[in-house]
Amino acid sequence: MDTFSHTLWGKGLFGYRKYGKWALLFGALPDLLSFGLYFIVRFITQGVNMEFGKPALESIPNWVFIMYDISHSWVIAFLFIIIFLQINKEICFPMLAWPFHILLDFPFHSKEYFPTPILWPISDYRFDGIPWSNTYVWFGNIACIIILFMYRLRK
């Protein structure tokens, strides 16, 4: 799913309490730690000559795959939430946007392009889902986000 949608899901589901802006961050965090860093590196090295769009898998450095595995794992996400339970319990609710991001990703990524390793490093199992770029998935996602925010506005 696209990073912007994840951000909106994080805010809509987990950002209506005290730490709303943190829910935005945690909703996008898995993608920011992998593709966000990759974008920054490409921008620094290629500048305005950088090409946009879906890069070929062969052109993506190995560290992006490693960061994707780390940031898209429920094991890692819940480990951090458990750690933060000891530090600041109030921030743990918006942190739930992180595992929710993973929950949305694994059925909507195919094995052909960044399948989601939900139980990494315990298991390398990757579900072969329907790509989020599928018209029905994409419009369904947008419709659900609109419904969620209409519900939040009424509350």
N, C-alpha and C. Protein backbone atom coordinates (compact mmCIF):
# COMPACT_ATOMS: atom_id res chain seq x y z
N MET A 1 0.85 -1.18 0.00
CA MET A 1 0.00 0.00 0.00
C MET A 1 0.89 1.24 0.00
N ASP A 2 0.40 2.32 -0.49
CA ASP A 2 1.22 3.54 -0.56
C ASP A 2 1.41 4.15 0.84
N THR A 3 2.51 4.83 1.00
CA THR A 3 2.88 5.39 2.30
C THR A 3 1.86 6.41 2.79
N PHE A 4 1.32 7.21 1.88
CA PHE A 4 0.34 8.22 2.28
C PHE A 4 -0.91 7.57 2.88
N SER A 5 -1.38 6.48 2.26
CA SER A 5 -2.54 5.76 2.81
C SER A 5 -2.22 5.23 4.19
N HIS A 6 -1.03 4.66 4.37
CA HIS A 6 -0.65 4.15 5.69
C HIS A 6 -0.66 5.27 6.73
N THR A 7 -0.20 6.43 6.33
CA THR A 7 -0.19 7.59 7.23
C THR A 7 -1.61 7.95 7.65
N LEU A 8 -2.51 7.97 6.68
CA LEU A 8 -3.91 8.30 6.98
C LEU A 8 -4.57 7.24 7.85
N TRP A 9 -4.30 5.96 7.57
CA TRP A 9 -4.84 4.89 8.41
C TRP A 9 -4.32 5.04 9.85
N GLY A 10 -3.03 5.34 9.99
CA GLY A 10 -2.46 5.52 11.32
C GLY A 10 -3.16 6.63 12.08
N LYS A 11 -3.33 7.77 11.43
CA LYS A 11 -4.00 8.91 12.06
C LYS A 11 -5.46 8.59 12.37
N GLY A 12 -6.17 7.99 11.41
CA GLY A 12 -7.59 7.73 11.59
C GLY A 12 -7.90 6.72 12.68
N LEU A 13 -7.04 5.72 12.83
CA LEU A 13 -7.30 4.68 13.82
C LEU A 13 -6.63 4.92 15.16
N PHE A 14 -5.45 5.50 15.15
CA PHE A 14 -4.66 5.60 16.39
C PHE A 14 -4.24 7.02 16.73
N GLY A 15 -4.72 8.00 15.98
CA GLY A 15 -4.26 9.37 16.19
C GLY A 15 -5.31 10.31 16.73
N TYR A 16 -6.32 9.80 17.36
CA TYR A 16 -7.38 10.67 17.86
C TYR A 16 -7.25 10.92 19.36
N ARG A 17 -6.18 10.48 19.94
CA ARG A 17 -5.90 10.75 21.35
C ARG A 17 -4.75 11.75 21.44
N LYS A 18 -4.09 11.74 22.55
CA LYS A 18 -3.07 12.74 22.87
C LYS A 18 -1.93 12.86 21.85
N TYR A 19 -1.45 11.77 21.30
CA TYR A 19 -0.28 11.78 20.44
C TYR A 19 -0.65 11.56 18.97
N GLY A 20 -1.54 12.37 18.45
CA GLY A 20 -2.02 12.21 17.09
C GLY A 20 -0.95 12.28 16.02
N LYS A 21 -0.01 13.20 16.18
CA LYS A 21 1.05 13.34 15.17
C LYS A 21 1.98 12.12 15.16
N TRP A 22 2.13 11.50 16.32
CA TRP A 22 2.95 10.29 16.39
C TRP A 22 2.31 9.16 15.60
N ALA A 23 0.98 9.10 15.59
CA ALA A 23 0.28 8.06 14.82
C ALA A 23 0.55 8.24 13.32
N LEU A 24 0.63 9.47 12.87
CA LEU A 24 1.00 9.72 11.47
C LEU A 24 2.38 9.13 11.18
N LEU A 25 3.33 9.40 12.06
CA LEU A 25 4.70 8.92 11.88
C LEU A 25 4.75 7.40 11.90
N PHE A 26 4.12 6.78 12.91
CA PHE A 26 4.19 5.33 13.03
C PHE A 26 3.42 4.62 11.91
N GLY A 27 2.41 5.27 11.36
CA GLY A 27 1.71 4.70 10.22
C GLY A 27 2.60 4.61 8.99
N ALA A 28 3.51 5.55 8.86
CA ALA A 28 4.40 5.60 7.69
C ALA A 28 5.77 4.99 7.98
N LEU A 29 6.10 4.78 9.24
CA LEU A 29 7.46 4.39 9.65
C LEU A 29 8.06 3.22 8.88
N PRO A 30 7.36 2.10 8.69
CA PRO A 30 8.01 1.00 7.97
C PRO A 30 8.49 1.39 6.57
N ASP A 31 7.70 2.18 5.87
CA ASP A 31 8.11 2.61 4.53
C ASP A 31 9.20 3.66 4.59
N LEU A 32 9.16 4.52 5.58
CA LEU A 32 10.18 5.56 5.71
C LEU A 32 11.55 4.96 6.01
N LEU A 33 11.57 3.89 6.81
CA LEU A 33 12.84 3.26 7.17
C LEU A 33 13.47 2.48 6.03
N SER A 34 12.69 2.14 5.03
CA SER A 34 13.25 1.42 3.89
C SER A 34 13.25 2.31 2.64
N PHE A 35 12.10 2.55 2.08
CA PHE A 35 12.02 3.33 0.85
C PHE A 35 12.30 4.81 1.07
N GLY A 36 11.96 5.34 2.23
CA GLY A 36 12.26 6.74 2.52
C GLY A 36 13.75 7.00 2.53
N LEU A 37 14.49 6.13 3.22
CA LEU A 37 15.95 6.26 3.24
C LEU A 37 16.54 6.07 1.85
N TYR A 38 15.99 5.11 1.12
CA TYR A 38 16.46 4.87 -0.25
C TYR A 38 16.23 6.10 -1.13
N PHE A 39 15.08 6.74 -0.98
CA PHE A 39 14.79 7.97 -1.73
C PHE A 39 15.81 9.05 -1.39
N ILE A 40 16.12 9.24 -0.12
CA ILE A 40 17.09 10.26 0.30
C ILE A 40 18.46 9.98 -0.30
N VAL A 41 18.90 8.72 -0.22
CA VAL A 41 20.21 8.35 -0.78
C VAL A 41 20.23 8.61 -2.28
N ARG A 42 19.17 8.22 -2.98
CA ARG A 42 19.11 8.45 -4.43
C ARG A 42 19.10 9.94 -4.74
N PHE A 43 18.39 10.71 -3.96
CA PHE A 43 18.33 12.16 -4.21
C PHE A 43 19.70 12.80 -4.00
N ILE A 44 20.40 12.37 -2.96
CA ILE A 44 21.74 12.92 -2.69
C ILE A 44 22.71 12.53 -3.80
N THR A 45 22.65 11.30 -4.26
CA THR A 45 23.61 10.83 -5.25
C THR A 45 23.24 11.20 -6.69
N GLN A 46 21.94 11.33 -6.98
CA GLN A 46 21.52 11.58 -8.35
C GLN A 46 20.92 12.97 -8.56
N GLY A 47 20.50 13.60 -7.49
CA GLY A 47 19.94 14.95 -7.58
C GLY A 47 18.73 15.03 -8.48
N VAL A 48 18.68 16.06 -9.27
CA VAL A 48 17.51 16.29 -10.14
C VAL A 48 17.43 15.28 -11.27
N ASN A 49 18.49 14.51 -11.51
CA ASN A 49 18.48 13.49 -12.56
C ASN A 49 17.81 12.19 -12.10
N MET A 50 17.37 12.16 -10.86
CA MET A 50 16.77 10.96 -10.30
C MET A 50 15.46 10.63 -11.01
N GLU A 51 15.29 9.35 -11.33
CA GLU A 51 14.06 8.89 -11.96
C GLU A 51 13.04 8.54 -10.89
N PHE A 52 11.78 8.83 -11.14
CA PHE A 52 10.71 8.51 -10.21
C PHE A 52 9.96 7.29 -10.71
N GLY A 53 9.16 6.72 -9.83
CA GLY A 53 8.38 5.55 -10.19
C GLY A 53 8.92 4.31 -9.51
N LYS A 54 8.34 3.19 -9.87
CA LYS A 54 8.68 1.90 -9.28
C LYS A 54 10.02 1.42 -9.85
N PRO A 55 11.07 1.37 -9.01
CA PRO A 55 12.38 0.93 -9.52
C PRO A 55 12.41 -0.59 -9.73
N ALA A 56 13.22 -1.02 -10.65
CA ALA A 56 13.43 -2.45 -10.87
C ALA A 56 14.11 -3.05 -9.65
N LEU A 57 13.73 -4.27 -9.28
CA LEU A 57 14.31 -4.92 -8.10
C LEU A 57 15.82 -5.01 -8.18
N GLU A 58 16.35 -5.23 -9.36
CA GLU A 58 17.80 -5.37 -9.54
C GLU A 58 18.55 -4.07 -9.24
N SER A 59 17.88 -2.95 -9.35
CA SER A 59 18.54 -1.66 -9.12
C SER A 59 18.51 -1.23 -7.66
N ILE A 60 17.78 -1.95 -6.83
CA ILE A 60 17.64 -1.58 -5.42
C ILE A 60 18.74 -2.24 -4.60
N PRO A 61 19.48 -1.46 -3.81
CA PRO A 61 20.57 -2.03 -3.00
C PRO A 61 20.04 -3.01 -1.95
N ASN A 62 20.88 -3.94 -1.56
CA ASN A 62 20.51 -4.98 -0.60
C ASN A 62 20.06 -4.41 0.74
N TRP A 63 20.65 -3.29 1.17
CA TRP A 63 20.30 -2.73 2.48
C TRP A 63 18.84 -2.30 2.53
N VAL A 64 18.24 -1.95 1.40
CA VAL A 64 16.82 -1.57 1.38
C VAL A 64 15.97 -2.80 1.71
N PHE A 65 16.32 -3.95 1.17
CA PHE A 65 15.60 -5.19 1.47
C PHE A 65 15.73 -5.55 2.95
N ILE A 66 16.92 -5.36 3.50
CA ILE A 66 17.15 -5.64 4.92
C ILE A 66 16.30 -4.70 5.79
N MET A 67 16.31 -3.41 5.47
CA MET A 67 15.50 -2.45 6.23
C MET A 67 14.01 -2.74 6.07
N TYR A 68 13.60 -3.18 4.90
CA TYR A 68 12.21 -3.55 4.67
C TYR A 68 11.82 -4.73 5.57
N ASP A 69 12.68 -5.75 5.62
CA ASP A 69 12.39 -6.91 6.46
C ASP A 69 12.29 -6.52 7.93
N ILE A 70 13.19 -5.69 8.39
CA ILE A 70 13.19 -5.26 9.79
C ILE A 70 11.95 -4.43 10.09
N SER A 71 11.66 -3.46 9.27
CA SER A 71 10.58 -2.52 9.56
C SER A 71 9.19 -3.08 9.27
N HIS A 72 9.09 -4.17 8.50
CA HIS A 72 7.80 -4.75 8.16
C HIS A 72 7.56 -6.08 8.89
N SER A 73 8.08 -6.18 10.09
CA SER A 73 7.94 -7.39 10.90
C SER A 73 7.12 -7.08 12.16
N TRP A 74 6.08 -7.89 12.38
CA TRP A 74 5.31 -7.74 13.62
C TRP A 74 6.20 -8.00 14.84
N VAL A 75 7.13 -8.93 14.70
CA VAL A 75 8.03 -9.25 15.81
C VAL A 75 8.79 -7.99 16.24
N ILE A 76 9.36 -7.29 15.31
CA ILE A 76 10.12 -6.08 15.61
C ILE A 76 9.20 -4.97 16.12
N ALA A 77 8.05 -4.78 15.45
CA ALA A 77 7.13 -3.71 15.85
C ALA A 77 6.65 -3.92 17.29
N PHE A 78 6.21 -5.13 17.61
CA PHE A 78 5.70 -5.37 18.96
C PHE A 78 6.82 -5.38 19.99
N LEU A 79 8.03 -5.73 19.60
CA LEU A 79 9.18 -5.63 20.50
C LEU A 79 9.39 -4.18 20.92
N PHE A 80 9.33 -3.25 19.94
CA PHE A 80 9.48 -1.83 20.26
C PHE A 80 8.31 -1.32 21.11
N ILE A 81 7.11 -1.78 20.82
CA ILE A 81 5.96 -1.36 21.63
C ILE A 81 6.11 -1.84 23.06
N ILE A 82 6.58 -3.06 23.26
CA ILE A 82 6.80 -3.59 24.62
C ILE A 82 7.88 -2.78 25.33
N ILE A 83 8.93 -2.41 24.62
CA ILE A 83 9.99 -1.58 25.21
C ILE A 83 9.40 -0.23 25.63
N PHE A 84 8.59 0.37 24.77
CA PHE A 84 8.02 1.68 25.10
C PHE A 84 6.95 1.61 26.17
N LEU A 85 6.38 0.45 26.40
CA LEU A 85 5.46 0.29 27.54
C LEU A 85 6.18 0.59 28.85
N GLN A 86 7.47 0.30 28.89
CA GLN A 86 8.27 0.57 30.08
C GLN A 86 8.70 2.03 30.18
N ILE A 87 8.75 2.71 29.06
CA ILE A 87 9.25 4.09 29.01
C ILE A 87 8.12 5.11 29.07
N ASN A 88 7.12 4.96 28.20
CA ASN A 88 6.02 5.91 28.12
C ASN A 88 4.79 5.18 27.57
N LYS A 89 3.92 4.75 28.45
CA LYS A 89 2.75 3.95 28.05
C LYS A 89 1.82 4.71 27.11
N GLU A 90 1.73 6.02 27.25
CA GLU A 90 0.78 6.79 26.45
C GLU A 90 1.12 6.77 24.95
N ILE A 91 2.40 6.65 24.63
CA ILE A 91 2.78 6.67 23.21
C ILE A 91 2.54 5.31 22.54
N CYS A 92 2.28 4.28 23.34
CA CYS A 92 2.09 2.93 22.77
C CYS A 92 0.83 2.83 21.93
N PHE A 93 -0.21 3.58 22.25
CA PHE A 93 -1.42 3.52 21.42
C PHE A 93 -1.16 4.02 20.01
N PRO A 94 -0.56 5.19 19.79
CA PRO A 94 -0.25 5.59 18.41
C PRO A 94 0.79 4.69 17.75
N MET A 95 1.62 4.02 18.55
CA MET A 95 2.60 3.10 17.98
C MET A 95 1.92 1.90 17.31
N LEU A 96 0.68 1.62 17.67
CA LEU A 96 -0.05 0.51 17.05
C LEU A 96 -0.29 0.74 15.55
N ALA A 97 -0.09 1.97 15.09
CA ALA A 97 -0.18 2.25 13.65
C ALA A 97 0.91 1.49 12.89
N TRP A 98 2.02 1.18 13.55
CA TRP A 98 3.11 0.44 12.92
C TRP A 98 2.69 -1.00 12.60
N PRO A 99 2.25 -1.80 13.59
CA PRO A 99 1.81 -3.16 13.22
C PRO A 99 0.57 -3.15 12.32
N PHE A 100 -0.27 -2.11 12.41
CA PHE A 100 -1.41 -2.03 11.50
C PHE A 100 -0.94 -1.81 10.06
N HIS A 101 0.11 -1.03 9.89
CA HIS A 101 0.72 -0.85 8.58
C HIS A 101 1.08 -2.22 7.99
N ILE A 102 1.71 -3.05 8.81
CA ILE A 102 2.13 -4.38 8.37
C ILE A 102 0.90 -5.25 8.05
N LEU A 103 -0.13 -5.14 8.88
CA LEU A 103 -1.37 -5.88 8.64
C LEU A 103 -1.98 -5.52 7.29
N LEU A 104 -1.92 -4.26 6.92
CA LEU A 104 -2.44 -3.83 5.62
C LEU A 104 -1.52 -4.25 4.47
N ASP A 105 -0.24 -4.33 4.73
CA ASP A 105 0.71 -4.63 3.66
C ASP A 105 0.71 -6.10 3.24
N PHE A 106 0.67 -7.01 4.20
CA PHE A 106 0.94 -8.39 3.80
C PHE A 106 -0.09 -8.99 2.85
N PRO A 107 -1.39 -8.64 2.90
CA PRO A 107 -2.28 -9.21 1.88
C PRO A 107 -2.26 -8.43 0.56
N PHE A 108 -1.60 -7.26 0.55
CA PHE A 108 -1.62 -6.42 -0.64
C PHE A 108 -0.24 -6.19 -1.24
N HIS A 109 0.65 -7.15 -1.04
CA HIS A 109 1.94 -7.18 -1.72
C HIS A 109 2.10 -8.58 -2.28
N SER A 110 2.43 -8.67 -3.55
CA SER A 110 2.65 -9.99 -4.14
C SER A 110 4.10 -10.42 -3.88
N LYS A 111 4.36 -11.69 -4.08
CA LYS A 111 5.73 -12.19 -3.91
C LYS A 111 6.68 -11.64 -4.96
N GLU A 112 6.13 -11.05 -6.00
CA GLU A 112 6.96 -10.50 -7.08
C GLU A 112 7.65 -9.19 -6.69
N TYR A 113 7.04 -8.41 -5.79
CA TYR A 113 7.61 -7.10 -5.45
C TYR A 113 7.38 -6.81 -3.96
N PHE A 114 8.42 -6.99 -3.18
CA PHE A 114 8.44 -6.70 -1.75
C PHE A 114 7.30 -7.37 -0.98
N PRO A 115 7.28 -8.70 -0.95
CA PRO A 115 6.32 -9.38 -0.08
C PRO A 115 6.67 -9.09 1.38
N THR A 116 5.67 -9.02 2.22
CA THR A 116 5.87 -8.57 3.61
C THR A 116 6.25 -9.73 4.52
N PRO A 117 7.41 -9.62 5.20
CA PRO A 117 7.90 -10.69 6.09
C PRO A 117 7.36 -10.52 7.51
N ILE A 118 6.08 -10.79 7.71
CA ILE A 118 5.40 -10.42 8.96
C ILE A 118 6.02 -11.02 10.22
N LEU A 119 6.70 -12.15 10.13
CA LEU A 119 7.27 -12.79 11.33
C LEU A 119 8.79 -12.81 11.33
N TRP A 120 9.42 -11.98 10.51
CA TRP A 120 10.87 -11.92 10.47
C TRP A 120 11.39 -11.45 11.83
N PRO A 121 12.43 -11.94 12.42
CA PRO A 121 13.40 -12.93 11.97
C PRO A 121 13.06 -14.37 12.38
N ILE A 122 11.91 -14.58 13.00
CA ILE A 122 11.51 -15.93 13.41
C ILE A 122 11.22 -16.81 12.19
N SER A 123 10.56 -16.24 11.21
CA SER A 123 10.21 -16.96 10.00
C SER A 123 10.38 -16.04 8.80
N ASP A 124 10.73 -16.62 7.68
CA ASP A 124 10.88 -15.84 6.45
C ASP A 124 9.65 -16.01 5.56
N TYR A 125 8.55 -16.49 6.13
CA TYR A 125 7.32 -16.69 5.37
C TYR A 125 6.82 -15.36 4.80
N ARG A 126 6.41 -15.39 3.55
CA ARG A 126 5.89 -14.20 2.89
C ARG A 126 4.64 -14.59 2.12
N PHE A 127 3.56 -13.92 2.42
CA PHE A 127 2.26 -14.18 1.80
C PHE A 127 2.24 -13.60 0.39
N ASP A 128 1.68 -14.33 -0.54
CA ASP A 128 1.57 -13.86 -1.91
C ASP A 128 0.19 -13.21 -2.08
N GLY A 129 0.14 -11.90 -1.91
CA GLY A 129 -1.13 -11.19 -1.93
C GLY A 129 -1.45 -10.54 -3.27
N ILE A 130 -2.53 -9.80 -3.26
CA ILE A 130 -2.96 -9.03 -4.42
C ILE A 130 -2.27 -7.67 -4.33
N PRO A 131 -1.55 -7.24 -5.35
CA PRO A 131 -0.86 -5.95 -5.28
C PRO A 131 -1.84 -4.80 -5.01
N TRP A 132 -1.42 -3.88 -4.18
CA TRP A 132 -2.30 -2.75 -3.82
C TRP A 132 -2.59 -1.86 -5.02
N SER A 133 -1.80 -2.00 -6.08
CA SER A 133 -2.06 -1.22 -7.28
C SER A 133 -3.26 -1.75 -8.07
N ASN A 134 -3.78 -2.91 -7.69
CA ASN A 134 -4.99 -3.45 -8.29
C ASN A 134 -6.12 -2.43 -8.11
N THR A 135 -6.87 -2.16 -9.16
CA THR A 135 -7.90 -1.11 -9.14
C THR A 135 -8.89 -1.30 -8.00
N TYR A 136 -9.35 -2.52 -7.79
CA TYR A 136 -10.34 -2.78 -6.73
C TYR A 136 -9.75 -2.53 -5.34
N VAL A 137 -8.51 -2.95 -5.15
CA VAL A 137 -7.85 -2.74 -3.86
C VAL A 137 -7.62 -1.25 -3.63
N TRP A 138 -7.12 -0.56 -4.66
CA TRP A 138 -6.79 0.86 -4.51
C TRP A 138 -8.04 1.69 -4.20
N PHE A 139 -9.10 1.50 -4.98
CA PHE A 139 -10.33 2.25 -4.73
C PHE A 139 -11.01 1.82 -3.44
N GLY A 140 -10.91 0.54 -3.10
CA GLY A 140 -11.44 0.08 -1.82
C GLY A 140 -10.73 0.72 -0.65
N ASN A 141 -9.42 0.85 -0.77
CA ASN A 141 -8.62 1.52 0.27
C ASN A 141 -9.05 2.97 0.44
N ILE A 142 -9.18 3.69 -0.67
CA ILE A 142 -9.58 5.10 -0.62
C ILE A 142 -10.97 5.23 -0.01
N ALA A 143 -11.90 4.37 -0.42
CA ALA A 143 -13.26 4.41 0.12
C ALA A 143 -13.26 4.16 1.63
N CYS A 144 -12.48 3.19 2.09
CA CYS A 144 -12.42 2.89 3.53
C CYS A 144 -11.79 4.04 4.32
N ILE A 145 -10.78 4.68 3.76
CA ILE A 145 -10.17 5.84 4.44
C ILE A 145 -11.19 6.98 4.55
N ILE A 146 -11.94 7.23 3.51
CA ILE A 146 -12.97 8.27 3.54
C ILE A 146 -14.02 7.95 4.59
N ILE A 147 -14.48 6.71 4.63
CA ILE A 147 -15.47 6.29 5.63
C ILE A 147 -14.92 6.47 7.04
N LEU A 148 -13.66 6.07 7.25
CA LEU A 148 -13.03 6.22 8.56
C LEU A 148 -12.99 7.67 9.01
N PHE A 149 -12.57 8.57 8.11
CA PHE A 149 -12.47 9.97 8.50
C PHE A 149 -13.84 10.64 8.63
N MET A 150 -14.81 10.19 7.88
CA MET A 150 -16.18 10.69 8.08
C MET A 150 -16.69 10.27 9.46
N TYR A 151 -16.38 9.05 9.87
CA TYR A 151 -16.74 8.57 11.20
C TYR A 151 -16.04 9.41 12.28
N ARG A 152 -14.76 9.67 12.10
CA ARG A 152 -14.01 10.47 13.06
C ARG A 152 -14.56 11.90 13.15
N LEU A 153 -14.98 12.47 12.04
CA LEU A 153 -15.54 13.83 12.05
C LEU A 153 -16.84 13.88 12.84
N ARG A 154 -17.64 12.83 12.74
CA ARG A 154 -18.89 12.77 13.49
C ARG A 154 -18.68 12.62 14.98
N LYS A 155 -17.60 11.98 15.35
CA LYS A 155 -17.32 11.77 16.78
C LYS A 155 -16.77 13.02 17.35
